[in-house]
Amino acid sequence: MARAYDVVPIEKKWQRRWAEDGTYEVDADDPRPASYVLTMYPYPSGPAHMGHVRNYTFGDLLVRHRTMLGQAVLFALRLRLVRTAGRERRHQDGHPSRVYTDARIAELKESITALGAVYDWRREIRSHDPEYIKWNQVIFQKLLAADLAYRANAPVNWCPGCQTVMANEQVLADGTCERSGDLVVRRVLEQWFLRITRYADELLAGLDGLDWPERVKTMQRNWIGRSEGAEFDLVVEAGTAPTDVNRCRSGSSPPDRTRRSA
């Protein structure tokens, strides 16, 4: 009769072995062919849930497979500062942002480690770490100097209960906040923007050479949202006689929003 598979001690044994041997640790001077696996960076709002498990298992499988093929695979985790839901819980608990976030990171890492994820934890990045923030500031200053960052007013979804901006997905069908239940209102706020539209042609051209599913590339093209628009002439009566007309040039960009251009 086959022995029962006791998952906990077996998993812990091999996780300990990988950690001691540095099996999935990669240094800059590693002589093996270089490879990089990037998965979506999580917002640390607590222990991993099934959505995390599904997402990060795919990346984990790639890392293991490429490592077995003899590649040096860089697989690091970047932890972003808590998003809207985390901000609300932090506000309710009364803890400073850093204390709250570090505690949530510890919970997330513990659960991810229990799954046997093979991250190189030496390369962990936290977006609220001052050593990381300074490089964000350097990049932003370069964007600002190149006129790629600017401020402008734009409408947002505002929850008066949470006192923060809401994503469209966080507003229920009846117009209320998914967490507080308050009626979400539209408010115009001054915000920072990046001129990514300057790179629309380059981004679109780059998609053609990617070995991605066509469905994903279509989603990316729609997100970039580049549109040629259209131009057309409107005949405008200028007098009482049928021949007394002028032509007015109009255009649209994108086609569903017509603007007067003459």
Protein backbone atom coordinates (compact mmCIF):
# COMPACT_ATOMS: atom_id res chain seq x y z
CA MET A 1 0.00 0.00 0.00
CA ALA A 2 1.38 3.41 -0.97
CA ARG A 3 2.34 5.75 1.81
CA ALA A 4 0.19 8.84 2.34
CA TYR A 5 1.68 12.05 1.03
CA ASP A 6 2.27 14.24 4.08
CA VAL A 7 2.52 17.59 2.36
CA VAL A 8 3.66 19.83 5.25
CA PRO A 9 6.96 18.15 6.25
CA ILE A 10 7.89 17.38 2.64
CA GLU A 11 7.27 20.96 1.52
CA LYS A 12 9.18 22.41 4.46
CA LYS A 13 12.10 20.05 3.80
CA TRP A 14 12.57 21.18 0.20
CA GLN A 15 11.87 24.82 0.90
CA ARG A 16 14.64 24.72 3.52
CA ARG A 17 16.94 22.96 1.05
CA TRP A 18 16.36 25.56 -1.67
CA ALA A 19 16.98 28.40 0.79
CA GLU A 20 20.22 26.86 2.13
CA ASP A 21 21.57 26.12 -1.35
CA GLY A 22 20.45 29.42 -2.86
CA THR A 23 18.84 27.46 -5.68
CA TYR A 24 16.81 30.38 -6.96
CA GLU A 25 19.17 33.21 -6.05
CA VAL A 26 20.75 35.06 -8.97
CA ASP A 27 23.70 37.48 -8.84
CA ALA A 28 24.65 40.03 -11.47
CA ASP A 29 27.76 38.05 -12.49
CA ASP A 30 25.99 34.70 -12.86
CA PRO A 31 27.56 32.93 -15.89
CA ARG A 32 24.36 31.16 -16.92
CA PRO A 33 22.11 32.58 -19.67
CA ALA A 34 20.10 35.42 -18.14
CA SER A 35 16.33 35.29 -17.87
CA TYR A 36 13.75 37.45 -16.12
CA VAL A 37 10.23 36.57 -14.98
CA LEU A 38 7.95 39.43 -13.96
CA THR A 39 4.59 38.92 -12.31
CA MET A 40 2.13 41.59 -11.26
CA TYR A 41 3.29 43.35 -8.12
CA PRO A 42 0.89 42.87 -5.21
CA TYR A 43 -0.64 45.40 -2.86
CA PRO A 44 0.11 43.95 0.60
CA SER A 45 -3.27 44.18 2.32
CA GLY A 46 -3.02 40.89 4.21
CA PRO A 47 -2.37 37.17 3.65
CA ALA A 48 -2.45 35.82 0.10
CA HIS A 49 -5.86 34.87 -1.26
CA MET A 50 -6.74 32.54 -4.13
CA GLY A 51 -6.31 35.33 -6.67
CA HIS A 52 -2.70 35.72 -5.53
CA VAL A 53 -2.15 31.97 -5.66
CA ARG A 54 -3.47 31.72 -9.22
CA ASN A 55 -1.46 34.69 -10.48
CA TYR A 56 1.89 33.93 -8.86
CA THR A 57 1.82 30.18 -9.46
CA PHE A 58 2.14 30.79 -13.21
CA GLY A 59 5.26 32.88 -12.70
CA ASP A 60 6.64 30.34 -10.25
CA LEU A 61 6.23 27.55 -12.82
CA LEU A 62 8.16 29.55 -15.42
CA VAL A 63 11.01 30.19 -12.99
CA ARG A 64 11.32 26.52 -12.04
CA HIS A 65 11.20 25.37 -15.66
CA ARG A 66 13.79 27.88 -16.88
CA THR A 67 16.05 27.10 -13.94
CA MET A 68 15.90 23.42 -14.86
CA LEU A 69 16.94 24.42 -18.39
CA GLY A 70 20.11 25.95 -16.96
CA GLN A 71 19.12 29.60 -16.98
CA ALA A 72 19.81 32.23 -14.31
CA VAL A 73 16.28 33.44 -13.67
CA LEU A 74 15.75 36.70 -11.83
CA PHE A 75 12.48 36.50 -9.92
CA ALA A 76 11.99 39.27 -7.37
CA LEU A 77 8.95 40.65 -5.61
CA ARG A 78 8.10 44.34 -5.44
CA LEU A 79 5.59 45.27 -2.76
CA ARG A 80 3.52 48.36 -3.37
CA LEU A 81 2.16 50.67 -0.72
CA VAL A 82 -1.37 49.75 0.33
CA ARG A 83 -4.09 50.83 -2.08
CA THR A 84 -7.53 52.21 -1.36
CA ALA A 85 -8.91 49.34 0.75
CA GLY A 86 -5.71 49.21 2.76
CA ARG A 87 -5.76 52.95 3.28
CA GLU A 88 -9.28 52.71 4.66
CA ARG A 89 -8.39 49.92 7.11
CA ARG A 90 -5.24 51.78 8.11
CA HIS A 91 -7.37 54.86 8.79
CA GLN A 92 -9.78 52.84 10.92
CA ASP A 93 -6.98 51.16 12.88
CA GLY A 94 -5.18 54.44 13.48
CA HIS A 95 -1.74 53.04 12.60
CA PRO A 96 0.87 55.05 10.69
CA SER A 97 1.20 54.07 7.04
CA ARG A 98 4.61 52.44 7.38
CA VAL A 99 3.69 50.38 10.46
CA TYR A 100 0.45 49.18 8.89
CA THR A 101 2.05 48.36 5.55
CA ASP A 102 5.04 46.50 7.02
CA ALA A 103 2.68 44.34 9.08
CA ARG A 104 0.63 43.47 5.97
CA ILE A 105 3.81 42.67 4.04
CA ALA A 106 4.85 40.22 6.76
CA GLU A 107 1.47 38.46 6.48
CA LEU A 108 1.67 38.28 2.69
CA LYS A 109 5.25 36.99 2.66
CA GLU A 110 4.47 34.31 5.25
CA SER A 111 1.62 32.93 3.18
CA ILE A 112 3.55 33.14 -0.12
CA THR A 113 6.52 31.37 1.47
CA ALA A 114 4.22 28.61 2.74
CA LEU A 115 3.20 28.01 -0.86
CA GLY A 116 6.83 27.32 -1.74
CA ALA A 117 7.26 30.36 -4.01
CA VAL A 118 10.84 30.60 -5.26
CA TYR A 119 11.46 34.34 -5.10
CA ASP A 120 14.95 35.68 -4.55
CA TRP A 121 13.99 37.44 -1.34
CA ARG A 122 17.33 39.29 -1.24
CA ARG A 123 16.03 41.42 -4.08
CA GLU A 124 12.71 42.34 -2.48
CA ILE A 125 11.65 45.93 -3.20
CA ARG A 126 9.22 47.98 -1.14
CA SER A 127 7.77 51.06 -2.79
CA HIS A 128 7.66 52.97 0.52
CA ASP A 129 11.34 52.37 1.28
CA PRO A 130 13.22 55.72 1.15
CA GLU A 131 16.03 54.02 -0.77
CA TYR A 132 13.50 53.15 -3.46
CA ILE A 133 11.52 56.39 -3.31
CA LYS A 134 14.59 58.47 -4.18
CA TRP A 135 14.86 56.73 -7.56
CA ASN A 136 11.17 57.40 -8.24
CA GLN A 137 11.94 61.06 -7.58
CA VAL A 138 14.92 61.00 -9.95
CA ILE A 139 12.82 59.47 -12.73
CA PHE A 140 9.98 61.93 -12.14
CA GLN A 141 12.34 64.91 -12.30
CA LYS A 142 13.62 63.67 -15.66
CA LEU A 143 10.05 63.27 -16.93
CA LEU A 144 9.24 66.79 -15.74
CA ALA A 145 12.36 68.26 -17.38
CA ALA A 146 11.43 66.54 -20.66
CA ASP A 147 7.88 68.00 -20.51
CA LEU A 148 6.45 64.50 -20.15
CA ALA A 149 4.80 65.21 -16.77
CA TYR A 150 2.21 67.94 -16.24
CA ARG A 151 -0.62 68.96 -13.96
CA ALA A 152 -4.22 69.34 -15.09
CA ASN A 153 -7.75 69.20 -13.75
CA ALA A 154 -9.72 66.04 -14.41
CA PRO A 155 -12.88 64.39 -12.99
CA VAL A 156 -12.53 61.51 -10.53
CA ASN A 157 -14.82 59.27 -8.48
CA TRP A 158 -14.77 60.61 -4.91
CA CYS A 159 -16.08 58.72 -1.86
CA PRO A 160 -16.92 61.15 0.95
CA GLY A 161 -16.85 58.33 3.51
CA CYS A 162 -13.43 56.95 2.58
CA GLN A 163 -12.13 60.42 1.72
CA THR A 164 -10.31 59.07 -1.31
CA VAL A 165 -10.55 58.53 -5.06
CA MET A 166 -12.28 55.35 -6.25
CA ALA A 167 -11.60 53.25 -9.34
CA ASN A 168 -14.62 52.67 -11.59
CA GLU A 169 -14.60 49.01 -10.53
CA GLN A 170 -15.05 50.05 -6.89
CA VAL A 171 -18.30 51.90 -7.60
CA LEU A 172 -21.38 49.67 -7.46
CA ALA A 173 -24.20 49.73 -10.01
CA ASP A 174 -26.29 51.98 -7.74
CA GLY A 175 -23.47 54.55 -7.57
CA THR A 176 -22.35 53.71 -4.03
CA CYS A 177 -18.92 52.80 -2.66
CA GLU A 178 -18.31 49.07 -2.40
CA ARG A 179 -16.84 49.47 1.12
CA SER A 180 -18.48 52.37 2.94
CA GLY A 181 -21.83 52.42 1.13
CA ASP A 182 -21.61 56.19 0.62
CA LEU A 183 -22.84 57.70 -2.62
CA VAL A 184 -19.82 58.28 -4.86
CA VAL A 185 -19.71 61.72 -6.47
CA ARG A 186 -17.78 63.15 -9.40
CA ARG A 187 -15.24 65.72 -8.34
CA VAL A 188 -12.71 67.68 -10.39
CA LEU A 189 -9.22 67.47 -8.90
CA GLU A 190 -5.86 68.77 -10.02
CA GLN A 191 -3.67 65.77 -10.83
CA TRP A 192 -0.37 64.74 -12.35
CA PHE A 193 -0.39 63.21 -15.83
CA LEU A 194 2.25 61.62 -18.07
CA ARG A 195 2.25 62.28 -21.83
CA ILE A 196 2.29 58.62 -22.85
CA THR A 197 0.33 59.48 -26.00
CA ARG A 198 3.58 60.80 -27.47
CA TYR A 199 4.73 57.20 -27.61
CA ALA A 200 1.50 55.69 -28.92
CA ASP A 201 2.93 54.82 -32.35
CA GLU A 202 6.03 53.25 -30.83
CA LEU A 203 3.99 51.26 -28.33
CA LEU A 204 1.64 49.97 -31.01
CA ALA A 205 4.48 48.99 -33.32
CA GLY A 206 6.19 47.15 -30.48
CA LEU A 207 3.17 44.94 -29.92
CA ASP A 208 3.48 43.36 -33.36
CA GLY A 209 6.73 41.59 -32.51
CA LEU A 210 5.63 40.23 -29.14
CA ASP A 211 4.88 36.54 -28.71
CA TRP A 212 1.65 37.27 -26.84
CA PRO A 213 -1.86 35.92 -27.42
CA GLU A 214 -3.71 38.10 -29.93
CA ARG A 215 -6.44 38.66 -27.35
CA VAL A 216 -3.93 40.26 -24.97
CA LYS A 217 -2.40 42.41 -27.71
CA THR A 218 -5.86 43.63 -28.69
CA MET A 219 -6.48 44.65 -25.08
CA GLN A 220 -3.19 46.56 -25.08
CA ARG A 221 -4.04 48.33 -28.35
CA ASN A 222 -7.41 49.36 -26.93
CA TRP A 223 -5.71 50.61 -23.75
CA ILE A 224 -3.23 52.72 -25.75
CA GLY A 225 -6.29 54.09 -27.50
CA ARG A 226 -4.62 55.76 -30.48
CA SER A 227 -7.11 57.03 -33.06
CA GLU A 228 -6.60 58.71 -36.44
CA GLY A 229 -9.98 60.40 -36.24
CA ALA A 230 -11.71 61.80 -39.33
CA GLU A 231 -12.19 65.13 -41.09
CA PHE A 232 -15.22 66.16 -43.12
CA ASP A 233 -16.89 69.26 -44.56
CA LEU A 234 -20.24 70.66 -43.43
CA VAL A 235 -22.27 72.84 -45.75
CA VAL A 236 -23.55 75.93 -43.94
CA GLU A 237 -26.14 78.29 -45.41
CA ALA A 238 -24.78 81.82 -45.60
CA GLY A 239 -27.73 83.62 -47.20
CA THR A 240 -31.18 83.26 -48.71
CA ALA A 241 -30.15 82.03 -52.15
CA PRO A 242 -29.46 78.30 -52.61
CA THR A 243 -25.95 79.14 -53.86
CA ASP A 244 -25.08 81.26 -50.81
CA VAL A 245 -23.21 78.58 -48.83
CA ASN A 246 -19.89 78.19 -47.06
CA ARG A 247 -18.01 75.04 -46.20
CA CYS A 248 -16.97 74.36 -42.63
CA ARG A 249 -14.19 71.82 -41.95
CA SER A 250 -14.86 69.64 -38.90
CA GLY A 251 -13.00 66.73 -37.40
CA SER A 252 -13.15 64.02 -34.79
CA SER A 253 -10.50 62.45 -32.58
CA PRO A 254 -11.49 59.89 -31.62
CA PRO A 255 -14.34 59.46 -34.17
CA ASP A 256 -17.08 59.34 -31.54
CA ARG A 257 -16.35 62.88 -30.31
CA THR A 258 -16.79 65.52 -33.02
CA ARG A 259 -15.11 68.89 -32.59
CA ARG A 260 -15.31 72.14 -34.52
CA SER A 261 -11.96 72.96 -36.15
CA ALA A 262 -12.74 75.81 -38.59
